[in-house]
Amino acid sequence: MSRIGKLPVTIPQGVTVDVAGGVLTTKGKLGTLKLVVNNEVEASVKDGKVVISPKSETKRARMAWGTARALVNNMVNGVTKGYTINLEINGVGYRADVAGQKLNMALGFSHPVVFELPKGIAAKVDKNTVILTGIDKEMLGETASKIRAIRPPEPYKGKGIKYVEEVIHRKVGKTGAA
């Protein structure tokens, strides 16, 4: 039995959740999100809570049960509070700025890097920190990882793009002739 799946998702004030034709729609003050519910599980709204239950006792249904519940919980939290990911840019001359839906970065390459932000993701730059916000947790995490992959941090000087809470394990460089 799934410990996560059996917990119902409480619907807060100002959020509406509808289930129709295998699609779960969540509407809140920050926007609307849709989720195609897995065929192995069933979603229903009862007494202000979203209840996810498996359709059968197969291993696949049990796996999808907890996953579906977590996705619905992320959707409800996204339309009420939203999500934020902070990226830190380290390096001499490394900088970023936002122009509309484009993130312009100078990262030590021979050319500037322009990253097109997907719809629903907003960026703000504060000194050497890029602050990404959005209501879709999955899309936000994917966007942050794509930005980080442009110039991942290197272990000798720590130059590159990293998550603020990420710890870079530093290596000692060459010590010279002995």
C-alpha atoms as a PDB file:
ATOM      1  CA  MET A   1       0.000   0.000   0.000  1.00  0.00           C
ATOM      2  CA  SER A   2       1.329   3.405  -0.953  1.00  0.00           C
ATOM      3  CA  ARG A   3       1.939   5.658   2.035  1.00  0.00           C
ATOM      4  CA  ILE A   4       1.931   8.746  -0.161  1.00  0.00           C
ATOM      5  CA  GLY A   5      -0.918   7.652  -2.454  1.00  0.00           C
ATOM      6  CA  LYS A   6      -3.432   7.002   0.314  1.00  0.00           C
ATOM      7  CA  LEU A   7      -3.134  10.570   1.670  1.00  0.00           C
ATOM      8  CA  PRO A   8      -5.819  12.837   0.166  1.00  0.00           C
ATOM      9  CA  VAL A   9      -4.778  16.222  -1.245  1.00  0.00           C
ATOM     10  CA  THR A  10      -6.610  19.048   0.553  1.00  0.00           C
ATOM     11  CA  ILE A  11      -7.967  21.712  -1.777  1.00  0.00           C
ATOM     12  CA  PRO A  12      -7.315  25.176  -0.259  1.00  0.00           C
ATOM     13  CA  GLN A  13      -9.711  28.133  -0.434  1.00  0.00           C
ATOM     14  CA  GLY A  14      -9.803  29.747  -3.889  1.00  0.00           C
ATOM     15  CA  VAL A  15      -8.691  26.637  -5.793  1.00  0.00           C
ATOM     16  CA  THR A  16     -10.965  24.513  -7.955  1.00  0.00           C
ATOM     17  CA  VAL A  17     -10.141  20.986  -9.105  1.00  0.00           C
ATOM     18  CA  ASP A  18     -12.139  19.268 -11.858  1.00  0.00           C
ATOM     19  CA  VAL A  19     -11.793  15.724 -13.188  1.00  0.00           C
ATOM     20  CA  ALA A  20     -13.263  15.068 -16.634  1.00  0.00           C
ATOM     21  CA  GLY A  21     -12.332  12.504 -19.271  1.00  0.00           C
ATOM     22  CA  GLY A  22      -9.124  11.426 -17.550  1.00  0.00           C
ATOM     23  CA  VAL A  23      -7.828  15.012 -17.311  1.00  0.00           C
ATOM     24  CA  LEU A  24      -7.459  16.713 -13.935  1.00  0.00           C
ATOM     25  CA  THR A  25      -7.628  20.529 -14.125  1.00  0.00           C
ATOM     26  CA  THR A  26      -6.500  22.768 -11.269  1.00  0.00           C
ATOM     27  CA  LYS A  27      -7.367  26.480 -11.254  1.00  0.00           C
ATOM     28  CA  GLY A  28      -6.073  28.972  -8.727  1.00  0.00           C
ATOM     29  CA  LYS A  29      -5.096  32.613  -8.317  1.00  0.00           C
ATOM     30  CA  LEU A  30      -1.773  32.103 -10.159  1.00  0.00           C
ATOM     31  CA  GLY A  31      -3.089  30.145 -13.144  1.00  0.00           C
ATOM     32  CA  THR A  32      -4.363  26.840 -14.482  1.00  0.00           C
ATOM     33  CA  LEU A  33      -2.606  23.472 -14.727  1.00  0.00           C
ATOM     34  CA  LYS A  34      -3.750  20.255 -16.414  1.00  0.00           C
ATOM     35  CA  LEU A  35      -2.679  16.661 -15.807  1.00  0.00           C
ATOM     36  CA  VAL A  36      -3.578  13.589 -17.840  1.00  0.00           C
ATOM     37  CA  VAL A  37      -4.268  10.986 -15.156  1.00  0.00           C
ATOM     38  CA  ASN A  38      -2.585   7.609 -15.617  1.00  0.00           C
ATOM     39  CA  ASN A  39      -4.876   4.778 -16.801  1.00  0.00           C
ATOM     40  CA  GLU A  40      -3.886   2.683 -13.770  1.00  0.00           C
ATOM     41  CA  VAL A  41      -5.320   5.119 -11.192  1.00  0.00           C
ATOM     42  CA  GLU A  42      -8.567   6.965 -10.653  1.00  0.00           C
ATOM     43  CA  ALA A  43      -8.898  10.543  -9.391  1.00  0.00           C
ATOM     44  CA  SER A  44     -11.993  11.941  -7.713  1.00  0.00           C
ATOM     45  CA  VAL A  45     -12.924  15.057  -5.752  1.00  0.00           C
ATOM     46  CA  LYS A  46     -14.734  14.387  -2.455  1.00  0.00           C
ATOM     47  CA  ASP A  47     -15.441  16.784   0.430  1.00  0.00           C
ATOM     48  CA  GLY A  48     -12.871  19.373  -0.666  1.00  0.00           C
ATOM     49  CA  LYS A  49     -10.143  16.786  -1.165  1.00  0.00           C
ATOM     50  CA  VAL A  50      -8.660  15.020  -4.176  1.00  0.00           C
ATOM     51  CA  VAL A  51      -8.521  11.271  -3.635  1.00  0.00           C
ATOM     52  CA  ILE A  52      -6.327   9.071  -5.829  1.00  0.00           C
ATOM     53  CA  SER A  53      -6.976   5.331  -5.838  1.00  0.00           C
ATOM     54  CA  PRO A  54      -5.562   2.450  -7.902  1.00  0.00           C
ATOM     55  CA  LYS A  55      -7.913   0.670 -10.300  1.00  0.00           C
ATOM     56  CA  SER A  56      -6.283  -2.719  -9.672  1.00  0.00           C
ATOM     57  CA  GLU A  57      -3.715  -4.367  -7.407  1.00  0.00           C
ATOM     58  CA  THR A  58      -0.988  -4.689 -10.049  1.00  0.00           C
ATOM     59  CA  LYS A  59       2.549  -3.475  -9.425  1.00  0.00           C
ATOM     60  CA  ARG A  60       2.190  -0.840 -12.152  1.00  0.00           C
ATOM     61  CA  ALA A  61      -0.986   0.548 -10.544  1.00  0.00           C
ATOM     62  CA  ARG A  62       0.710   0.772  -7.140  1.00  0.00           C
ATOM     63  CA  MET A  63       3.670   2.615  -8.700  1.00  0.00           C
ATOM     64  CA  ALA A  64       1.410   5.107 -10.473  1.00  0.00           C
ATOM     65  CA  TRP A  65      -0.687   5.681  -7.335  1.00  0.00           C
ATOM     66  CA  GLY A  66       1.907   7.596  -5.290  1.00  0.00           C
ATOM     67  CA  THR A  67       3.248   9.390  -8.356  1.00  0.00           C
ATOM     68  CA  ALA A  68      -0.195  10.665  -9.361  1.00  0.00           C
ATOM     69  CA  ARG A  69      -0.877  11.889  -5.824  1.00  0.00           C
ATOM     70  CA  ALA A  70       2.458  13.753  -5.705  1.00  0.00           C
ATOM     71  CA  LEU A  71       1.789  15.378  -9.099  1.00  0.00           C
ATOM     72  CA  VAL A  72      -1.675  16.551  -7.980  1.00  0.00           C
ATOM     73  CA  ASN A  73      -0.206  17.947  -4.746  1.00  0.00           C
ATOM     74  CA  ASN A  74       2.455  19.834  -6.749  1.00  0.00           C
ATOM     75  CA  MET A  75      -0.264  21.267  -9.007  1.00  0.00           C
ATOM     76  CA  VAL A  76      -2.357  22.488  -6.055  1.00  0.00           C
ATOM     77  CA  ASN A  77       0.699  24.067  -4.391  1.00  0.00           C
ATOM     78  CA  GLY A  78       1.773  25.608  -7.703  1.00  0.00           C
ATOM     79  CA  VAL A  79      -1.504  27.431  -8.382  1.00  0.00           C
ATOM     80  CA  THR A  80      -1.678  28.737  -4.791  1.00  0.00           C
ATOM     81  CA  LYS A  81       1.939  29.662  -3.902  1.00  0.00           C
ATOM     82  CA  GLY A  82       4.074  28.972  -6.963  1.00  0.00           C
ATOM     83  CA  TYR A  83       7.644  27.684  -6.992  1.00  0.00           C
ATOM     84  CA  THR A  84      11.041  29.382  -7.029  1.00  0.00           C
ATOM     85  CA  ILE A  85      14.510  28.100  -7.946  1.00  0.00           C
ATOM     86  CA  ASN A  86      17.644  30.203  -7.451  1.00  0.00           C
ATOM     87  CA  LEU A  87      20.744  29.743  -9.624  1.00  0.00           C
ATOM     88  CA  GLU A  88      24.080  31.342  -8.758  1.00  0.00           C
ATOM     89  CA  ILE A  89      26.565  32.465 -11.412  1.00  0.00           C
ATOM     90  CA  ASN A  90      30.217  32.373 -10.289  1.00  0.00           C
ATOM     91  CA  GLY A  91      33.204  33.565 -12.323  1.00  0.00           C
ATOM     92  CA  VAL A  92      35.045  36.716 -13.292  1.00  0.00           C
ATOM     93  CA  GLY A  93      33.040  38.495 -15.988  1.00  0.00           C
ATOM     94  CA  TYR A  94      30.144  36.030 -15.761  1.00  0.00           C
ATOM     95  CA  ARG A  95      26.825  37.873 -15.688  1.00  0.00           C
ATOM     96  CA  ALA A  96      23.210  37.609 -16.766  1.00  0.00           C
ATOM     97  CA  ASP A  97      20.292  39.890 -17.536  1.00  0.00           C
ATOM     98  CA  VAL A  98      16.677  39.404 -18.576  1.00  0.00           C
ATOM     99  CA  ALA A  99      15.062  40.974 -21.650  1.00  0.00           C
ATOM    100  CA  GLY A 100      11.442  39.871 -21.979  1.00  0.00           C
ATOM    101  CA  GLN A 101      11.365  36.059 -22.177  1.00  0.00           C
ATOM    102  CA  LYS A 102      15.097  35.811 -22.932  1.00  0.00           C
ATOM    103  CA  LEU A 103      17.906  35.276 -20.464  1.00  0.00           C
ATOM    104  CA  ASN A 104      21.126  36.824 -21.826  1.00  0.00           C
ATOM    105  CA  MET A 105      24.302  35.466 -20.243  1.00  0.00           C
ATOM    106  CA  ALA A 106      28.015  36.118 -20.578  1.00  0.00           C
ATOM    107  CA  LEU A 107      29.688  32.903 -19.386  1.00  0.00           C
ATOM    108  CA  GLY A 108      33.256  33.056 -20.673  1.00  0.00           C
ATOM    109  CA  PHE A 109      32.442  31.798 -24.153  1.00  0.00           C
ATOM    110  CA  SER A 110      33.476  33.736 -27.274  1.00  0.00           C
ATOM    111  CA  HIS A 111      29.808  34.653 -27.751  1.00  0.00           C
ATOM    112  CA  PRO A 112      26.924  35.663 -25.493  1.00  0.00           C
ATOM    113  CA  VAL A 113      24.459  32.892 -24.621  1.00  0.00           C
ATOM    114  CA  VAL A 114      20.751  33.648 -25.131  1.00  0.00           C
ATOM    115  CA  PHE A 115      18.351  31.250 -23.406  1.00  0.00           C
ATOM    116  CA  GLU A 116      14.683  31.403 -24.420  1.00  0.00           C
ATOM    117  CA  LEU A 117      12.494  30.954 -21.326  1.00  0.00           C
ATOM    118  CA  PRO A 118       9.439  28.718 -21.812  1.00  0.00           C
ATOM    119  CA  LYS A 119       5.953  30.130 -21.413  1.00  0.00           C
ATOM    120  CA  GLY A 120       4.934  30.175 -17.746  1.00  0.00           C
ATOM    121  CA  ILE A 121       8.475  30.675 -16.395  1.00  0.00           C
ATOM    122  CA  ALA A 122       9.639  34.130 -15.295  1.00  0.00           C
ATOM    123  CA  ALA A 123      13.212  35.129 -14.504  1.00  0.00           C
ATOM    124  CA  LYS A 124      14.726  37.930 -12.469  1.00  0.00           C
ATOM    125  CA  VAL A 125      18.424  38.696 -11.978  1.00  0.00           C
ATOM    126  CA  ASP A 126      19.783  40.037  -8.689  1.00  0.00           C
ATOM    127  CA  LYS A 127      23.569  40.610  -8.893  1.00  0.00           C
ATOM    128  CA  ASN A 128      24.928  37.106  -9.594  1.00  0.00           C
ATOM    129  CA  THR A 129      21.707  35.198  -8.799  1.00  0.00           C
ATOM    130  CA  VAL A 130      19.089  34.181 -11.364  1.00  0.00           C
ATOM    131  CA  ILE A 131      15.674  33.726  -9.733  1.00  0.00           C
ATOM    132  CA  LEU A 132      13.289  31.504 -11.724  1.00  0.00           C
ATOM    133  CA  THR A 133       9.593  31.415 -10.771  1.00  0.00           C
ATOM    134  CA  GLY A 134       6.615  29.498 -12.114  1.00  0.00           C
ATOM    135  CA  ILE A 135       3.570  27.428 -11.179  1.00  0.00           C
ATOM    136  CA  ASP A 136       4.576  24.176 -12.904  1.00  0.00           C
ATOM    137  CA  LYS A 137       7.201  22.487 -10.700  1.00  0.00           C
ATOM    138  CA  GLU A 138       8.275  20.003 -13.372  1.00  0.00           C
ATOM    139  CA  MET A 139       8.805  22.647 -16.075  1.00  0.00           C
ATOM    140  CA  LEU A 140      10.609  24.939 -13.618  1.00  0.00           C
ATOM    141  CA  GLY A 141      13.066  22.224 -12.582  1.00  0.00           C
ATOM    142  CA  GLU A 142      13.705  21.234 -16.182  1.00  0.00           C
ATOM    143  CA  THR A 143      14.356  24.851 -17.180  1.00  0.00           C
ATOM    144  CA  ALA A 144      16.760  25.347 -14.255  1.00  0.00           C
ATOM    145  CA  SER A 145      18.693  22.202 -15.173  1.00  0.00           C
ATOM    146  CA  LYS A 146      18.968  23.306 -18.828  1.00  0.00           C
ATOM    147  CA  ILE A 147      20.351  26.695 -17.752  1.00  0.00           C
ATOM    148  CA  ARG A 148      22.819  24.999 -15.372  1.00  0.00           C
ATOM    149  CA  ALA A 149      23.929  22.626 -18.166  1.00  0.00           C
ATOM    150  CA  ILE A 150      25.099  25.581 -20.290  1.00  0.00           C
ATOM    151  CA  ARG A 151      28.090  26.085 -17.951  1.00  0.00           C
ATOM    152  CA  PRO A 152      28.133  23.577 -15.068  1.00  0.00           C
ATOM    153  CA  PRO A 153      30.431  24.445 -12.155  1.00  0.00           C
ATOM    154  CA  GLU A 154      33.980  23.182 -12.445  1.00  0.00           C
ATOM    155  CA  PRO A 155      35.715  21.648  -9.413  1.00  0.00           C
ATOM    156  CA  TYR A 156      38.940  23.726  -9.340  1.00  0.00           C
ATOM    157  CA  LYS A 157      37.764  27.333  -9.107  1.00  0.00           C
ATOM    158  CA  GLY A 158      34.003  26.759  -8.851  1.00  0.00           C
ATOM    159  CA  LYS A 159      33.262  28.846 -11.956  1.00  0.00           C
ATOM    160  CA  GLY A 160      29.931  28.213 -13.653  1.00  0.00           C
ATOM    161  CA  ILE A 161      26.200  28.087 -12.889  1.00  0.00           C
ATOM    162  CA  LYS A 162      25.037  26.201  -9.810  1.00  0.00           C
ATOM    163  CA  TYR A 163      21.962  25.950  -7.622  1.00  0.00           C
ATOM    164  CA  VAL A 164      22.250  28.224  -4.575  1.00  0.00           C
ATOM    165  CA  GLU A 165      21.938  25.297  -2.137  1.00  0.00           C
ATOM    166  CA  GLU A 166      24.318  23.083  -4.166  1.00  0.00           C
ATOM    167  CA  VAL A 167      27.732  22.301  -2.697  1.00  0.00           C
ATOM    168  CA  ILE A 168      30.631  22.025  -5.140  1.00  0.00           C
ATOM    169  CA  HIS A 169      33.337  19.608  -3.999  1.00  0.00           C
ATOM    170  CA  ARG A 170      36.561  21.430  -4.732  1.00  0.00           C
ATOM    171  CA  LYS A 171      39.726  19.733  -5.962  1.00  0.00           C
ATOM    172  CA  VAL A 172      43.264  20.777  -5.261  1.00  0.00           C
ATOM    173  CA  GLY A 173      45.177  21.822  -8.360  1.00  0.00           C
ATOM    174  CA  LYS A 174      48.705  20.917  -9.287  1.00  0.00           C
ATOM    175  CA  THR A 175      51.242  21.837  -6.646  1.00  0.00           C
ATOM    176  CA  GLY A 176      54.188  22.364  -9.008  1.00  0.00           C
ATOM    177  CA  ALA A 177      57.558  20.618  -9.314  1.00  0.00           C
ATOM    178  CA  ALA A 178      58.582  18.769  -6.192  1.00  0.00           C
END
